[in-house]
Protein backbone atom coordinates (compact mmCIF):
# COMPACT_ATOMS: atom_id res chain seq x y z
CA MET A 1 3.42 -21.84 -6.01
CA ARG A 2 3.77 -20.97 -2.53
CA LEU A 3 7.50 -21.53 -2.39
CA LYS A 4 7.62 -18.87 -5.07
CA VAL A 5 5.73 -16.31 -3.21
CA LEU A 6 8.18 -16.97 0.15
CA THR A 7 11.29 -16.97 -2.22
CA TRP A 8 10.05 -13.60 -3.36
CA LEU A 9 9.16 -12.48 0.40
CA VAL A 10 12.51 -13.10 1.51
CA VAL A 11 14.74 -10.29 0.07
CA LYS A 12 18.40 -10.80 1.00
CA TYR A 13 19.30 -7.83 3.32
CA THR A 14 22.37 -7.10 1.51
CA GLU A 15 20.09 -5.66 -1.33
CA MET A 16 17.26 -4.33 1.02
CA ARG A 17 20.02 -2.34 2.97
CA GLU A 18 21.47 -0.75 -0.80
CA HIS A 19 17.98 0.45 -1.90
CA HIS A 20 17.88 3.91 -1.56
CA SER A 21 14.90 4.61 0.46
CA LEU A 22 16.45 2.24 3.66
CA ARG A 23 19.90 3.60 3.48
CA ILE A 24 18.79 6.20 6.43
CA PHE A 25 18.49 3.08 8.51
CA GLY A 26 22.31 1.84 7.90
CA GLN A 27 23.53 -1.11 10.35
CA LEU A 28 19.87 -1.55 11.76
CA LEU A 29 19.12 -3.66 8.59
CA ASP A 30 21.60 -6.25 9.65
CA ASP A 31 18.88 -7.46 12.16
CA PRO A 32 18.41 -11.03 10.68
CA TYR A 33 15.01 -10.87 12.43
CA LEU A 34 13.46 -8.37 10.04
CA PHE A 35 13.31 -10.89 7.19
CA HIS A 36 12.62 -14.09 9.50
CA LEU A 37 9.65 -16.05 8.29
CA ASN A 38 7.84 -17.40 11.53
CA ARG A 39 4.58 -16.74 13.39
CA ARG A 40 5.87 -13.68 15.25
CA SER A 41 7.52 -11.79 12.60
CA VAL A 42 4.80 -12.56 9.94
CA SER A 43 1.69 -11.81 12.56
CA GLY A 44 3.93 -8.49 13.70
CA ALA A 45 4.69 -7.46 9.97
CA PHE A 46 0.49 -7.70 9.40
CA ALA A 47 -0.05 -5.52 12.37
CA VAL A 48 2.39 -2.87 11.00
CA GLY A 49 1.21 -2.97 7.60
CA PHE A 50 -2.02 -2.68 8.19
CA PHE A 51 -2.04 -0.18 10.88
CA SER A 52 0.78 2.07 8.34
CA ALA A 53 -1.98 1.66 5.56
CA TRP A 54 -4.37 3.72 7.30
CA ILE A 55 -1.95 6.73 7.86
CA PRO A 56 -3.33 9.40 5.55
CA VAL A 57 0.18 10.62 4.34
CA PRO A 58 2.24 10.10 1.53
CA PHE A 59 5.14 8.42 3.01
CA GLN A 60 3.09 5.17 4.76
CA MET A 61 6.04 2.94 3.40
CA LEU A 62 8.53 4.70 5.39
CA ILE A 63 6.40 4.67 8.49
CA ALA A 64 5.91 0.99 8.41
CA ALA A 65 9.83 0.08 7.63
CA THR A 66 10.54 2.39 10.70
CA VAL A 67 8.34 0.60 12.99
CA ALA A 68 9.24 -2.91 11.52
CA ILE A 69 12.58 -2.29 12.55
CA ALA A 70 11.95 -0.86 16.01
CA VAL A 71 9.77 -3.95 17.03
CA ARG A 72 11.91 -6.58 14.57
CA VAL A 73 9.08 -7.99 12.66
CA ASN A 74 9.25 -9.06 8.93
CA LEU A 75 10.62 -5.76 7.09
CA PRO A 76 9.39 -6.46 3.42
CA LEU A 77 6.13 -8.07 4.20
CA ALA A 78 5.07 -4.75 6.59
CA VAL A 79 6.21 -2.65 3.69
CA ILE A 80 4.52 -4.14 0.91
CA LEU A 81 1.21 -4.61 2.95
CA VAL A 82 0.98 -0.85 2.88
CA TRP A 83 0.30 -0.94 -0.19
CA ILE A 84 -3.71 -1.86 0.35
CA THR A 85 -3.86 1.63 -0.15
CA ASN A 86 -3.34 2.32 -3.75
CA PRO A 87 -4.67 4.62 -6.26
CA VAL A 88 -7.34 2.32 -6.78
CA THR A 89 -8.48 1.76 -3.10
CA ILE A 90 -7.34 4.97 -1.27
CA ALA A 91 -10.46 6.99 -1.78
CA PRO A 92 -12.93 4.10 -0.51
CA MET A 93 -10.57 3.60 2.50
CA PHE A 94 -10.11 7.36 3.21
CA TYR A 95 -14.03 7.94 2.61
CA SER A 96 -14.91 4.89 4.89
CA ALA A 97 -12.76 6.37 7.73
CA TYR A 98 -14.29 9.83 7.45
CA ILE A 99 -17.50 8.15 7.71
CA VAL A 100 -16.27 6.13 10.97
CA GLY A 101 -15.39 9.08 12.29
CA THR A 102 -18.02 11.10 11.82
CA TRP A 103 -20.28 8.52 13.55
CA LEU A 104 -17.61 8.84 16.71
CA THR A 105 -17.60 12.13 16.81
CA GLY A 106 -21.33 12.97 16.01
CA ASP A 107 -20.58 15.52 13.13
CA ALA A 108 -22.73 15.52 10.02
CA VAL A 109 -21.32 14.14 7.05
CA LYS A 110 -19.94 16.73 4.89
CA GLN A 111 -20.12 16.54 1.31
CA VAL A 112 -16.46 16.27 -0.17
CA GLU A 113 -15.32 16.06 -3.56
CA PHE A 114 -12.36 13.78 -3.16
CA GLU A 115 -9.31 14.45 -5.02
CA THR A 116 -5.65 13.29 -4.72
CA GLY A 117 -2.94 15.45 -4.28
CA GLN A 118 -1.48 17.05 -0.78
CA LYS A 119 -2.81 20.72 -1.99
CA TRP A 120 -6.40 19.34 -1.90
CA PHE A 121 -5.72 17.25 1.45
CA MET A 122 -4.24 19.86 3.29
CA GLU A 123 -7.20 22.50 2.68
CA GLU A 124 -9.91 19.96 3.34
CA LEU A 125 -8.15 18.74 6.57
CA GLN A 126 -9.56 22.17 8.02
CA THR A 127 -13.24 20.61 7.67
CA ILE A 128 -12.64 17.03 7.47
CA GLY A 129 -9.61 16.22 9.77
CA GLU A 130 -10.88 15.13 13.04
CA PRO A 131 -13.23 12.71 11.78
CA LEU A 132 -11.06 11.60 9.42
CA LEU A 133 -8.18 10.91 11.61
CA LEU A 134 -10.31 9.51 14.34
CA GLY A 135 -12.02 7.36 12.08
CA CYS A 136 -8.19 6.40 10.54
CA LEU A 137 -7.02 5.56 14.06
CA LEU A 138 -10.12 3.34 14.94
CA LEU A 139 -9.73 1.47 11.52
CA ALA A 140 -5.91 1.07 11.74
CA ALA A 141 -6.23 -0.18 15.42
CA ALA A 142 -9.12 -2.51 14.02
CA SER A 143 -7.30 -3.88 10.88
CA SER A 144 -3.61 -4.44 12.40
CA MET A 145 -5.30 -6.32 15.43
CA ILE A 146 -7.43 -8.66 13.09
CA GLY A 147 -4.61 -8.94 10.87
CA PHE A 148 -2.22 -9.93 13.52
CA PHE A 149 -4.82 -12.55 15.48
CA THR A 150 -5.76 -13.92 11.65
CA VAL A 151 -2.22 -14.75 11.02
CA ARG A 152 -1.58 -16.32 14.64
CA LEU A 153 -4.55 -18.23 14.29
CA LEU A 154 -3.94 -19.94 10.86
CA TRP A 155 -0.23 -19.94 11.53
CA ASP A 156 -1.24 -22.04 14.92
CA GLU A 157 -4.09 -24.02 13.31
CA ARG A 158 -1.62 -24.79 10.61
CA PHE A 159 1.02 -25.81 12.77
CA SER A 160 -1.10 -27.90 14.90
CA ARG A 161 -2.37 -30.07 11.92
CA LEU A 162 0.92 -30.70 10.86
CA LEU A 163 2.18 -31.65 14.22
CA HIS A 164 -0.84 -34.14 14.17
CA ILE A 165 0.24 -35.49 11.05
CA LYS A 166 3.53 -35.99 12.08
CA LEU A 167 2.20 -37.92 15.38
CA LYS A 168 0.50 -39.97 13.33
CA ARG A 169 3.15 -40.92 11.14
CA HIS A 170 5.64 -41.33 13.80
CA ARG A 171 2.84 -43.83 15.40
CA ARG A 172 2.30 -45.72 12.73
CA LYS A 173 6.17 -46.24 12.35
CA GLN A 174 6.51 -47.22 15.71
CA HIS A 175 3.45 -49.69 15.55
CA GLY A 176 4.98 -50.93 12.58
CA SER A 177 8.11 -51.67 13.92
CA ASN A 178 6.50 -53.59 17.07
CA LYS A 179 4.69 -55.99 15.04
CA SER A 180 7.71 -56.63 12.97
CA ALA A 181 9.52 -57.61 16.36
């Protein structure tokens, strides 16, 4: 199962380069680090994806792709992680960002009917804009740091466990060969 997921995440860069939305990046997509699955690349992709997910604009995936290319982290993973903001989660996420923003600014929470659409967003940005953007910034920073350090910690823990198992096997093998000699 894990291999299928990893294989799905590791997209051939030629296929990514030909994607109509990513053609604007041209030769930048030739960087092999954008498709590596290592601790630095994956933890960085989590940070980029989680941060970009909190940006209240309709082109979050393009932002995530641009930042992933700039900091050379796993591009497909960073773009996929943006989808934590989806039609089901977007209203609760941005409402919680608004609540956090009002708490930080000391403003009163205004009763707002959330709707989807750019027209509504531009109209409401006048009244709820500052607390919403401040809450989004704080939650973006917090979630990206949590994602980054959680992946680092889990990756280190798994790596150290695998290293410990390999060292044990190696010692047993050496100990077994010394007895027979």
